Amino acid sequence: MIDALRDVFGSALKSLDVFYVLEGCKPVSRILAKEEELQGILDFLEDKNLKTAVSDFKVVKEPGAANSYSDKGVRLNGPSYGNNNHLVYISKEEKLAKRARQYEDKNDHFHLGLSLGYPECCSEFFTKRFPVESKKKNDYTLAVLENSENYTFPFQTNVAARFLDVALLSHFPCSFNCRHSKAIAEKNLTAIKKHSEEWHKLLSGMLNSVVLYSEENGIFLLRNFSLDKNKVFYSTVMASMNSEIYKQLKDAEYMEILGKNRIRLGAEVTDSFGVMVFQ
């Protein structure tokens, strides 16, 4: 089923979000759909007996810089040209899809989050940080890290790998230790395993990683890793860009974590990354 959804939606994250609604894990899914693909998506969802509501406004997605990730989009309320996007709200109940759209229309981020099945603490966190983060790249990953104790977290709450189209959560948790978000992720992963051992293995493997995250200097995943106190040994580096840091990570025998915003590579110390160990 997940592969079939991906054939329609392209993105694994979008496909999984719809999958969670089909499986009863999530009350409402909210996805971006390109204008030229909208009718085909709506027809597909109708065939799956899902109800939809579509935003009246359009969204232009702002691309990330060559070395970063961006969730920022610009809302267009008037006539527009080009292949823009609509927001589609998807549910088994029409009233729930329409309610989510209404909250979005009002810019009521807190109740929108609740309508999408997100924990109250996470919806409150997003609402509180929105005035600041929305003016940047609308990427709350480093804000979540700032709100989290230490740098070691359960892999289920890893949303830092979204730039690789991988996550179990559709929202930013209030912290990477949020027990409510972890419970949602575990429920989602159980549903995935029921349908596909392959997807279960892929997601679990990718999310078990060390992440170095920067809005300006790139995002890096260190896979197949082990910890020796604060030293990280790893065999694979995945990156958002080919950079000097990427080369250093590839060549280094290990990386040393000095804090959740500080690492040492060889003799060089840098504090330009957020550091997250998901296991």
C-alpha atoms as a PDB file:
ATOM      1  CA  MET A   1       0.000   0.000   0.000  1.00  0.00           C
ATOM      2  CA  ILE A   2       2.769   2.459   0.891  1.00  0.00           C
ATOM      3  CA  ASP A   3       4.479   1.937  -2.472  1.00  0.00           C
ATOM      4  CA  ALA A   4       1.158   2.526  -4.251  1.00  0.00           C
ATOM      5  CA  LEU A   5       0.667   5.773  -2.329  1.00  0.00           C
ATOM      6  CA  ARG A   6       4.177   6.889  -3.203  1.00  0.00           C
ATOM      7  CA  ASP A   7       3.435   6.363  -6.895  1.00  0.00           C
ATOM      8  CA  VAL A   8       0.662   8.948  -6.509  1.00  0.00           C
ATOM      9  CA  PHE A   9       2.193  11.441  -4.080  1.00  0.00           C
ATOM     10  CA  GLY A  10       5.881  11.134  -4.974  1.00  0.00           C
ATOM     11  CA  SER A  11       7.149  11.985  -1.492  1.00  0.00           C
ATOM     12  CA  ALA A  12       7.441   9.256   1.147  1.00  0.00           C
ATOM     13  CA  LEU A  13       6.440  11.722   3.862  1.00  0.00           C
ATOM     14  CA  LYS A  14       3.238  12.710   2.048  1.00  0.00           C
ATOM     15  CA  SER A  15       2.458   9.072   1.312  1.00  0.00           C
ATOM     16  CA  LEU A  16       2.935   8.041   4.927  1.00  0.00           C
ATOM     17  CA  ASP A  17       0.786  10.917   6.164  1.00  0.00           C
ATOM     18  CA  VAL A  18      -2.122   9.684   4.029  1.00  0.00           C
ATOM     19  CA  PHE A  19      -1.351   6.090   5.040  1.00  0.00           C
ATOM     20  CA  TYR A  20      -1.758   7.037   8.719  1.00  0.00           C
ATOM     21  CA  VAL A  21      -5.268   8.342   7.988  1.00  0.00           C
ATOM     22  CA  LEU A  22      -6.183   5.167   6.107  1.00  0.00           C
ATOM     23  CA  GLU A  23      -4.909   3.088   9.052  1.00  0.00           C
ATOM     24  CA  GLY A  24      -6.768   5.145  11.640  1.00  0.00           C
ATOM     25  CA  CYS A  25      -3.536   6.438  13.225  1.00  0.00           C
ATOM     26  CA  LYS A  26      -4.271  10.064  12.363  1.00  0.00           C
ATOM     27  CA  PRO A  27      -7.575  11.980  12.125  1.00  0.00           C
ATOM     28  CA  VAL A  28      -6.556  14.376   9.342  1.00  0.00           C
ATOM     29  CA  SER A  29      -3.657  14.605   6.915  1.00  0.00           C
ATOM     30  CA  ARG A  30      -2.502  17.941   5.497  1.00  0.00           C
ATOM     31  CA  ILE A  31      -0.396  17.853   2.328  1.00  0.00           C
ATOM     32  CA  LEU A  32       0.730  20.192  -0.424  1.00  0.00           C
ATOM     33  CA  ALA A  33      -0.485  19.274  -3.908  1.00  0.00           C
ATOM     34  CA  LYS A  34       0.700  20.890  -7.118  1.00  0.00           C
ATOM     35  CA  GLU A  35      -2.086  22.589  -8.996  1.00  0.00           C
ATOM     36  CA  GLU A  36      -1.602  20.475 -12.117  1.00  0.00           C
ATOM     37  CA  GLU A  37      -1.747  17.250 -10.043  1.00  0.00           C
ATOM     38  CA  LEU A  38      -4.602  18.263  -7.733  1.00  0.00           C
ATOM     39  CA  GLN A  39      -7.530  16.684  -9.573  1.00  0.00           C
ATOM     40  CA  GLY A  40      -5.744  13.363  -9.998  1.00  0.00           C
ATOM     41  CA  ILE A  41      -4.945  13.296  -6.277  1.00  0.00           C
ATOM     42  CA  LEU A  42      -8.531  14.147  -5.339  1.00  0.00           C
ATOM     43  CA  ASP A  43      -9.850  11.383  -7.613  1.00  0.00           C
ATOM     44  CA  PHE A  44      -7.429   8.881  -6.069  1.00  0.00           C
ATOM     45  CA  LEU A  45      -8.448   9.828  -2.535  1.00  0.00           C
ATOM     46  CA  GLU A  46     -12.139   9.555  -3.430  1.00  0.00           C
ATOM     47  CA  ASP A  47     -11.510   6.021  -4.707  1.00  0.00           C
ATOM     48  CA  LYS A  48     -10.031   5.274  -1.261  1.00  0.00           C
ATOM     49  CA  ASN A  49     -13.252   6.545   0.373  1.00  0.00           C
ATOM     50  CA  LEU A  50     -11.418   9.488   1.902  1.00  0.00           C
ATOM     51  CA  LYS A  51     -12.962  12.942   2.265  1.00  0.00           C
ATOM     52  CA  THR A  52     -11.085  16.100   1.331  1.00  0.00           C
ATOM     53  CA  ALA A  53     -11.127  19.856   1.714  1.00  0.00           C
ATOM     54  CA  VAL A  54      -8.918  22.120  -0.406  1.00  0.00           C
ATOM     55  CA  SER A  55      -7.530  25.518   0.547  1.00  0.00           C
ATOM     56  CA  ASP A  56      -8.886  28.503  -1.361  1.00  0.00           C
ATOM     57  CA  PHE A  57      -5.442  30.104  -1.283  1.00  0.00           C
ATOM     58  CA  LYS A  58      -2.356  28.780  -3.030  1.00  0.00           C
ATOM     59  CA  VAL A  59       1.139  28.251  -1.660  1.00  0.00           C
ATOM     60  CA  VAL A  60       4.462  28.885  -3.363  1.00  0.00           C
ATOM     61  CA  LYS A  61       7.071  26.650  -1.752  1.00  0.00           C
ATOM     62  CA  GLU A  62      10.350  28.425  -1.122  1.00  0.00           C
ATOM     63  CA  PRO A  63      13.244  26.176  -2.134  1.00  0.00           C
ATOM     64  CA  GLY A  64      16.024  25.585   0.357  1.00  0.00           C
ATOM     65  CA  ALA A  65      19.403  27.034  -0.368  1.00  0.00           C
ATOM     66  CA  ALA A  66      21.897  24.674  -1.952  1.00  0.00           C
ATOM     67  CA  ASN A  67      23.224  23.688   1.464  1.00  0.00           C
ATOM     68  CA  SER A  68      20.103  23.801   3.611  1.00  0.00           C
ATOM     69  CA  TYR A  69      16.505  22.697   4.073  1.00  0.00           C
ATOM     70  CA  SER A  70      13.459  24.963   4.050  1.00  0.00           C
ATOM     71  CA  ASP A  71       9.821  24.478   5.020  1.00  0.00           C
ATOM     72  CA  LYS A  72       8.929  28.038   4.154  1.00  0.00           C
ATOM     73  CA  GLY A  73       6.060  28.815   1.819  1.00  0.00           C
ATOM     74  CA  VAL A  74       4.286  32.001   0.740  1.00  0.00           C
ATOM     75  CA  ARG A  75       0.494  32.142   0.790  1.00  0.00           C
ATOM     76  CA  LEU A  76      -1.148  33.646  -2.307  1.00  0.00           C
ATOM     77  CA  ASN A  77      -4.713  34.857  -1.786  1.00  0.00           C
ATOM     78  CA  GLY A  78      -5.286  36.435  -5.213  1.00  0.00           C
ATOM     79  CA  PRO A  79      -4.819  35.366  -8.831  1.00  0.00           C
ATOM     80  CA  SER A  80      -1.470  33.731  -9.539  1.00  0.00           C
ATOM     81  CA  TYR A  81       0.499  32.236 -12.375  1.00  0.00           C
ATOM     82  CA  GLY A  82       2.738  29.202 -12.585  1.00  0.00           C
ATOM     83  CA  ASN A  83       2.435  25.788 -11.018  1.00  0.00           C
ATOM     84  CA  ASN A  84       1.557  26.668  -7.435  1.00  0.00           C
ATOM     85  CA  ASN A  85       0.284  24.400  -4.674  1.00  0.00           C
ATOM     86  CA  HIS A  86      -2.927  23.897  -2.770  1.00  0.00           C
ATOM     87  CA  LEU A  87      -3.207  22.507   0.726  1.00  0.00           C
ATOM     88  CA  VAL A  88      -5.349  19.388   0.833  1.00  0.00           C
ATOM     89  CA  TYR A  89      -6.897  18.203   4.093  1.00  0.00           C
ATOM     90  CA  ILE A  90      -7.704  14.491   4.091  1.00  0.00           C
ATOM     91  CA  SER A  91      -9.806  12.490   6.523  1.00  0.00           C
ATOM     92  CA  LYS A  92     -12.281   9.648   6.802  1.00  0.00           C
ATOM     93  CA  GLU A  93     -14.788  12.282   7.971  1.00  0.00           C
ATOM     94  CA  GLU A  94     -15.606  15.312   5.845  1.00  0.00           C
ATOM     95  CA  LYS A  95     -16.292  17.523   8.870  1.00  0.00           C
ATOM     96  CA  LEU A  96     -12.793  16.895  10.237  1.00  0.00           C
ATOM     97  CA  ALA A  97     -11.140  17.836   6.929  1.00  0.00           C
ATOM     98  CA  LYS A  98     -13.225  21.017   6.697  1.00  0.00           C
ATOM     99  CA  ARG A  99     -12.527  21.913  10.326  1.00  0.00           C
ATOM    100  CA  ALA A 100      -8.769  21.692   9.750  1.00  0.00           C
ATOM    101  CA  ARG A 101      -9.107  23.951   6.695  1.00  0.00           C
ATOM    102  CA  GLN A 102     -11.079  26.480   8.757  1.00  0.00           C
ATOM    103  CA  TYR A 103      -8.370  26.613  11.429  1.00  0.00           C
ATOM    104  CA  GLU A 104      -5.749  27.158   8.721  1.00  0.00           C
ATOM    105  CA  ASP A 105      -7.821  29.949   7.178  1.00  0.00           C
ATOM    106  CA  LYS A 106      -7.859  31.663  10.589  1.00  0.00           C
ATOM    107  CA  ASN A 107      -4.118  31.090  11.138  1.00  0.00           C
ATOM    108  CA  ASP A 108      -5.090  29.244  14.315  1.00  0.00           C
ATOM    109  CA  HIS A 109      -1.952  27.109  14.540  1.00  0.00           C
ATOM    110  CA  PHE A 110      -2.770  25.635  17.931  1.00  0.00           C
ATOM    111  CA  HIS A 111      -6.183  24.229  17.029  1.00  0.00           C
ATOM    112  CA  LEU A 112      -4.974  23.251  13.560  1.00  0.00           C
ATOM    113  CA  GLY A 113      -2.316  21.117  15.232  1.00  0.00           C
ATOM    114  CA  LEU A 114      -4.882  19.486  17.509  1.00  0.00           C
ATOM    115  CA  SER A 115      -7.183  18.806  14.544  1.00  0.00           C
ATOM    116  CA  LEU A 116      -4.309  17.026  12.778  1.00  0.00           C
ATOM    117  CA  GLY A 117      -3.783  14.781  15.803  1.00  0.00           C
ATOM    118  CA  TYR A 118      -0.671  16.463  17.188  1.00  0.00           C
ATOM    119  CA  PRO A 119      -0.092  16.528  20.960  1.00  0.00           C
ATOM    120  CA  GLU A 120      -1.259  19.611  22.818  1.00  0.00           C
ATOM    121  CA  CYS A 121       2.251  20.330  24.102  1.00  0.00           C
ATOM    122  CA  CYS A 122       3.665  20.232  20.556  1.00  0.00           C
ATOM    123  CA  SER A 123       0.874  22.390  19.120  1.00  0.00           C
ATOM    124  CA  GLU A 124       1.511  24.920  21.880  1.00  0.00           C
ATOM    125  CA  PHE A 125       5.271  24.826  21.204  1.00  0.00           C
ATOM    126  CA  PHE A 126       4.760  25.408  17.471  1.00  0.00           C
ATOM    127  CA  THR A 127       2.354  28.286  18.107  1.00  0.00           C
ATOM    128  CA  LYS A 128       4.783  29.927  20.525  1.00  0.00           C
ATOM    129  CA  ARG A 129       7.765  29.652  18.148  1.00  0.00           C
ATOM    130  CA  PHE A 130       5.891  30.485  14.928  1.00  0.00           C
ATOM    131  CA  PRO A 131       6.389  34.296  15.031  1.00  0.00           C
ATOM    132  CA  VAL A 132      10.174  33.810  15.058  1.00  0.00           C
ATOM    133  CA  GLU A 133      10.690  30.673  12.956  1.00  0.00           C
ATOM    134  CA  SER A 134       8.225  31.635  10.202  1.00  0.00           C
ATOM    135  CA  LYS A 135      10.323  34.701   9.465  1.00  0.00           C
ATOM    136  CA  LYS A 136      13.313  32.425   8.837  1.00  0.00           C
ATOM    137  CA  LYS A 137      12.893  29.060   7.078  1.00  0.00           C
ATOM    138  CA  ASN A 138       9.922  27.766   9.061  1.00  0.00           C
ATOM    139  CA  ASP A 139      12.166  24.896  10.156  1.00  0.00           C
ATOM    140  CA  TYR A 140      11.785  24.201  13.881  1.00  0.00           C
ATOM    141  CA  THR A 141      14.432  21.467  14.217  1.00  0.00           C
ATOM    142  CA  LEU A 142      16.990  23.587  16.050  1.00  0.00           C
ATOM    143  CA  ALA A 143      14.251  25.131  18.189  1.00  0.00           C
ATOM    144  CA  VAL A 144      13.223  21.614  19.235  1.00  0.00           C
ATOM    145  CA  LEU A 145      16.841  20.792  20.077  1.00  0.00           C
ATOM    146  CA  GLU A 146      17.105  23.970  22.137  1.00  0.00           C
ATOM    147  CA  ASN A 147      14.022  22.812  24.065  1.00  0.00           C
ATOM    148  CA  SER A 148      15.449  19.295  24.614  1.00  0.00           C
ATOM    149  CA  GLU A 149      17.723  18.095  27.395  1.00  0.00           C
ATOM    150  CA  ASN A 150      21.095  16.655  26.423  1.00  0.00           C
ATOM    151  CA  TYR A 151      21.730  15.375  22.861  1.00  0.00           C
ATOM    152  CA  THR A 152      20.690  11.690  22.983  1.00  0.00           C
ATOM    153  CA  PHE A 153      17.105  10.909  21.985  1.00  0.00           C
ATOM    154  CA  PRO A 154      14.791   8.056  20.895  1.00  0.00           C
ATOM    155  CA  PHE A 155      14.954   7.435  17.158  1.00  0.00           C
ATOM    156  CA  GLN A 156      11.166   7.581  16.882  1.00  0.00           C
ATOM    157  CA  THR A 157      11.185  11.380  17.302  1.00  0.00           C
ATOM    158  CA  ASN A 158      13.859  11.997  14.656  1.00  0.00           C
ATOM    159  CA  VAL A 159      12.395  14.674  12.387  1.00  0.00           C
ATOM    160  CA  ALA A 160      15.871  15.974  11.512  1.00  0.00           C
ATOM    161  CA  ALA A 161      16.105  13.451   8.649  1.00  0.00           C
ATOM    162  CA  ARG A 162      13.189  15.032   6.771  1.00  0.00           C
ATOM    163  CA  PHE A 163      15.564  16.454   4.174  1.00  0.00           C
ATOM    164  CA  LEU A 164      15.994  12.822   3.085  1.00  0.00           C
ATOM    165  CA  ASP A 165      12.191  12.376   3.009  1.00  0.00           C
ATOM    166  CA  VAL A 166      12.303  10.215   6.150  1.00  0.00           C
ATOM    167  CA  ALA A 167      10.351  10.598   9.431  1.00  0.00           C
ATOM    168  CA  LEU A 168       7.671   8.884  11.496  1.00  0.00           C
ATOM    169  CA  LEU A 169       6.122  12.139  12.704  1.00  0.00           C
ATOM    170  CA  SER A 170       4.203  14.700  10.663  1.00  0.00           C
ATOM    171  CA  HIS A 171       4.854  17.424  13.234  1.00  0.00           C
ATOM    172  CA  PHE A 172       7.724  18.990  15.122  1.00  0.00           C
ATOM    173  CA  PRO A 173       7.741  17.598  18.660  1.00  0.00           C
ATOM    174  CA  CYS A 174       8.038  20.096  21.503  1.00  0.00           C
ATOM    175  CA  SER A 175      11.235  18.248  22.436  1.00  0.00           C
ATOM    176  CA  PHE A 176      12.962  15.159  21.089  1.00  0.00           C
ATOM    177  CA  ASN A 177      12.090  13.488  24.403  1.00  0.00           C
ATOM    178  CA  CYS A 178       8.347  14.211  24.091  1.00  0.00           C
ATOM    179  CA  ARG A 179       6.637  10.994  25.240  1.00  0.00           C
ATOM    180  CA  HIS A 180       3.409  11.857  23.429  1.00  0.00           C
ATOM    181  CA  SER A 181       5.222  12.277  20.113  1.00  0.00           C
ATOM    182  CA  LYS A 182       7.167   9.077  20.687  1.00  0.00           C
ATOM    183  CA  ALA A 183       3.903   7.200  21.288  1.00  0.00           C
ATOM    184  CA  ILE A 184       2.473   8.521  17.997  1.00  0.00           C
ATOM    185  CA  ALA A 185       5.634   7.493  16.137  1.00  0.00           C
ATOM    186  CA  GLU A 186       5.539   3.996  17.648  1.00  0.00           C
ATOM    187  CA  LYS A 187       1.901   3.616  16.638  1.00  0.00           C
ATOM    188  CA  ASN A 188       2.751   4.715  13.102  1.00  0.00           C
ATOM    189  CA  LEU A 189       5.708   2.334  12.908  1.00  0.00           C
ATOM    190  CA  THR A 190       3.540  -0.583  14.048  1.00  0.00           C
ATOM    191  CA  ALA A 191       1.060   0.184  11.249  1.00  0.00           C
ATOM    192  CA  ILE A 192       3.906   0.367   8.739  1.00  0.00           C
ATOM    193  CA  LYS A 193       5.314  -2.999   9.855  1.00  0.00           C
ATOM    194  CA  LYS A 194       1.904  -4.605   9.435  1.00  0.00           C
ATOM    195  CA  HIS A 195       1.959  -3.706   5.746  1.00  0.00           C
ATOM    196  CA  SER A 196       5.644  -3.725   4.850  1.00  0.00           C
ATOM    197  CA  GLU A 197       8.663  -5.217   6.605  1.00  0.00           C
ATOM    198  CA  GLU A 198      10.796  -3.454   3.995  1.00  0.00           C
ATOM    199  CA  TRP A 199       9.517   0.029   4.882  1.00  0.00           C
ATOM    200  CA  HIS A 200       9.733  -0.773   8.594  1.00  0.00           C
ATOM    201  CA  LYS A 201      13.371  -1.779   8.246  1.00  0.00           C
ATOM    202  CA  LEU A 202      14.226   1.190   6.017  1.00  0.00           C
ATOM    203  CA  LEU A 203      12.698   3.804   8.317  1.00  0.00           C
ATOM    204  CA  SER A 204      14.032   2.287  11.531  1.00  0.00           C
ATOM    205  CA  GLY A 205      17.516   2.052  10.037  1.00  0.00           C
ATOM    206  CA  MET A 206      17.589   5.576   8.633  1.00  0.00           C
ATOM    207  CA  LEU A 207      16.241   7.186  11.787  1.00  0.00           C
ATOM    208  CA  ASN A 208      18.839   5.484  13.973  1.00  0.00           C
ATOM    209  CA  SER A 209      21.514   8.036  13.169  1.00  0.00           C
ATOM    210  CA  VAL A 210      23.602  10.913  14.429  1.00  0.00           C
ATOM    211  CA  VAL A 211      22.515  14.202  12.888  1.00  0.00           C
ATOM    212  CA  LEU A 212      24.524  17.385  12.498  1.00  0.00           C
ATOM    213  CA  TYR A 213      22.071  20.142  11.642  1.00  0.00           C
ATOM    214  CA  SER A 214      22.651  23.704  10.493  1.00  0.00           C
ATOM    215  CA  GLU A 215      20.389  26.127   8.667  1.00  0.00           C
ATOM    216  CA  GLU A 216      23.380  27.591   6.853  1.00  0.00           C
ATOM    217  CA  ASN A 217      26.134  24.944   6.687  1.00  0.00           C
ATOM    218  CA  GLY A 218      24.231  21.833   5.660  1.00  0.00           C
ATOM    219  CA  ILE A 219      22.710  18.744   7.259  1.00  0.00           C
ATOM    220  CA  PHE A 220      24.603  15.501   7.781  1.00  0.00           C
ATOM    221  CA  LEU A 221      23.513  12.007   8.844  1.00  0.00           C
ATOM    222  CA  LEU A 222      26.062   9.619  10.294  1.00  0.00           C
ATOM    223  CA  ARG A 223      24.791   6.059   9.922  1.00  0.00           C
ATOM    224  CA  ASN A 224      25.841   2.659  11.245  1.00  0.00           C
ATOM    225  CA  PHE A 225      27.324   4.405  14.258  1.00  0.00           C
ATOM    226  CA  SER A 226      28.503   3.426  17.713  1.00  0.00           C
ATOM    227  CA  LEU A 227      29.223   5.562  20.770  1.00  0.00           C
ATOM    228  CA  ASP A 228      32.277   5.329  22.993  1.00  0.00           C
ATOM    229  CA  LYS A 229      31.460   7.883  25.673  1.00  0.00           C
ATOM    230  CA  ASN A 230      31.344  11.092  23.607  1.00  0.00           C
ATOM    231  CA  LYS A 231      33.137   9.675  20.551  1.00  0.00           C
ATOM    232  CA  VAL A 232      31.023   8.688  17.544  1.00  0.00           C
ATOM    233  CA  PHE A 233      32.342   6.020  15.178  1.00  0.00           C
ATOM    234  CA  TYR A 234      30.399   5.627  11.925  1.00  0.00           C
ATOM    235  CA  SER A 235      30.690   4.036   8.495  1.00  0.00           C
ATOM    236  CA  THR A 236      28.372   6.157   6.337  1.00  0.00           C
ATOM    237  CA  VAL A 237      27.876   9.904   5.873  1.00  0.00           C
ATOM    238  CA  MET A 238      24.806  11.280   4.081  1.00  0.00           C
ATOM    239  CA  ALA A 239      24.744  15.000   3.372  1.00  0.00           C
ATOM    240  CA  SER A 240      22.585  17.767   1.961  1.00  0.00           C
ATOM    241  CA  MET A 241      25.599  19.049   0.045  1.00  0.00           C
ATOM    242  CA  ASN A 242      29.150  18.196  -0.942  1.00  0.00           C
ATOM    243  CA  SER A 243      31.224  20.486   1.274  1.00  0.00           C
ATOM    244  CA  GLU A 244      34.473  20.717   3.186  1.00  0.00           C
ATOM    245  CA  ILE A 245      32.698  19.489   6.340  1.00  0.00           C
ATOM    246  CA  TYR A 246      31.401  16.505   4.379  1.00  0.00           C
ATOM    247  CA  LYS A 247      34.934  15.645   3.299  1.00  0.00           C
ATOM    248  CA  GLN A 248      36.194  16.016   6.860  1.00  0.00           C
ATOM    249  CA  LEU A 249      33.451  13.737   8.174  1.00  0.00           C
ATOM    250  CA  LYS A 250      34.248  11.149   5.492  1.00  0.00           C
ATOM    251  CA  ASP A 251      37.971  11.219   6.274  1.00  0.00           C
ATOM    252  CA  ALA A 252      37.809  11.389  10.075  1.00  0.00           C
ATOM    253  CA  GLU A 253      38.334   8.291  12.194  1.00  0.00           C
ATOM    254  CA  TYR A 254      35.603   9.482  14.539  1.00  0.00           C
ATOM    255  CA  MET A 255      33.734  12.590  15.656  1.00  0.00           C
ATOM    256  CA  GLU A 256      33.769  13.862  19.224  1.00  0.00           C
ATOM    257  CA  ILE A 257      30.656  15.451  20.734  1.00  0.00           C
ATOM    258  CA  LEU A 258      31.469  18.328  23.087  1.00  0.00           C
ATOM    259  CA  GLY A 259      27.867  19.447  23.587  1.00  0.00           C
ATOM    260  CA  LYS A 260      24.581  19.625  21.726  1.00  0.00           C
ATOM    261  CA  ASN A 261      25.965  22.485  19.637  1.00  0.00           C
ATOM    262  CA  ARG A 262      29.655  21.599  19.539  1.00  0.00           C
ATOM    263  CA  ILE A 263      31.819  18.923  17.890  1.00  0.00           C
ATOM    264  CA  ARG A 264      35.484  18.154  17.330  1.00  0.00           C
ATOM    265  CA  LEU A 265      36.753  16.736  14.053  1.00  0.00           C
ATOM    266  CA  GLY A 266      40.448  15.990  14.373  1.00  0.00           C
ATOM    267  CA  ALA A 267      42.025  19.119  15.837  1.00  0.00           C
ATOM    268  CA  GLU A 268      39.179  21.390  14.702  1.00  0.00           C
ATOM    269  CA  VAL A 269      36.344  22.409  17.041  1.00  0.00           C
ATOM    270  CA  THR A 270      33.133  23.907  15.650  1.00  0.00           C
ATOM    271  CA  ASP A 271      29.939  25.104  17.294  1.00  0.00           C
ATOM    272  CA  SER A 272      28.009  25.771  14.064  1.00  0.00           C
ATOM    273  CA  PHE A 273      25.841  22.617  14.228  1.00  0.00           C
ATOM    274  CA  GLY A 274      23.050  21.228  16.326  1.00  0.00           C
ATOM    275  CA  VAL A 275      24.050  17.715  17.401  1.00  0.00           C
ATOM    276  CA  MET A 276      21.450  14.945  17.849  1.00  0.00           C
ATOM    277  CA  VAL A 277      22.068  11.278  18.567  1.00  0.00           C
ATOM    278  CA  PHE A 278      18.978   9.191  17.749  1.00  0.00           C
ATOM    279  CA  GLN A 279      19.011   5.562  18.868  1.00  0.00           C
END
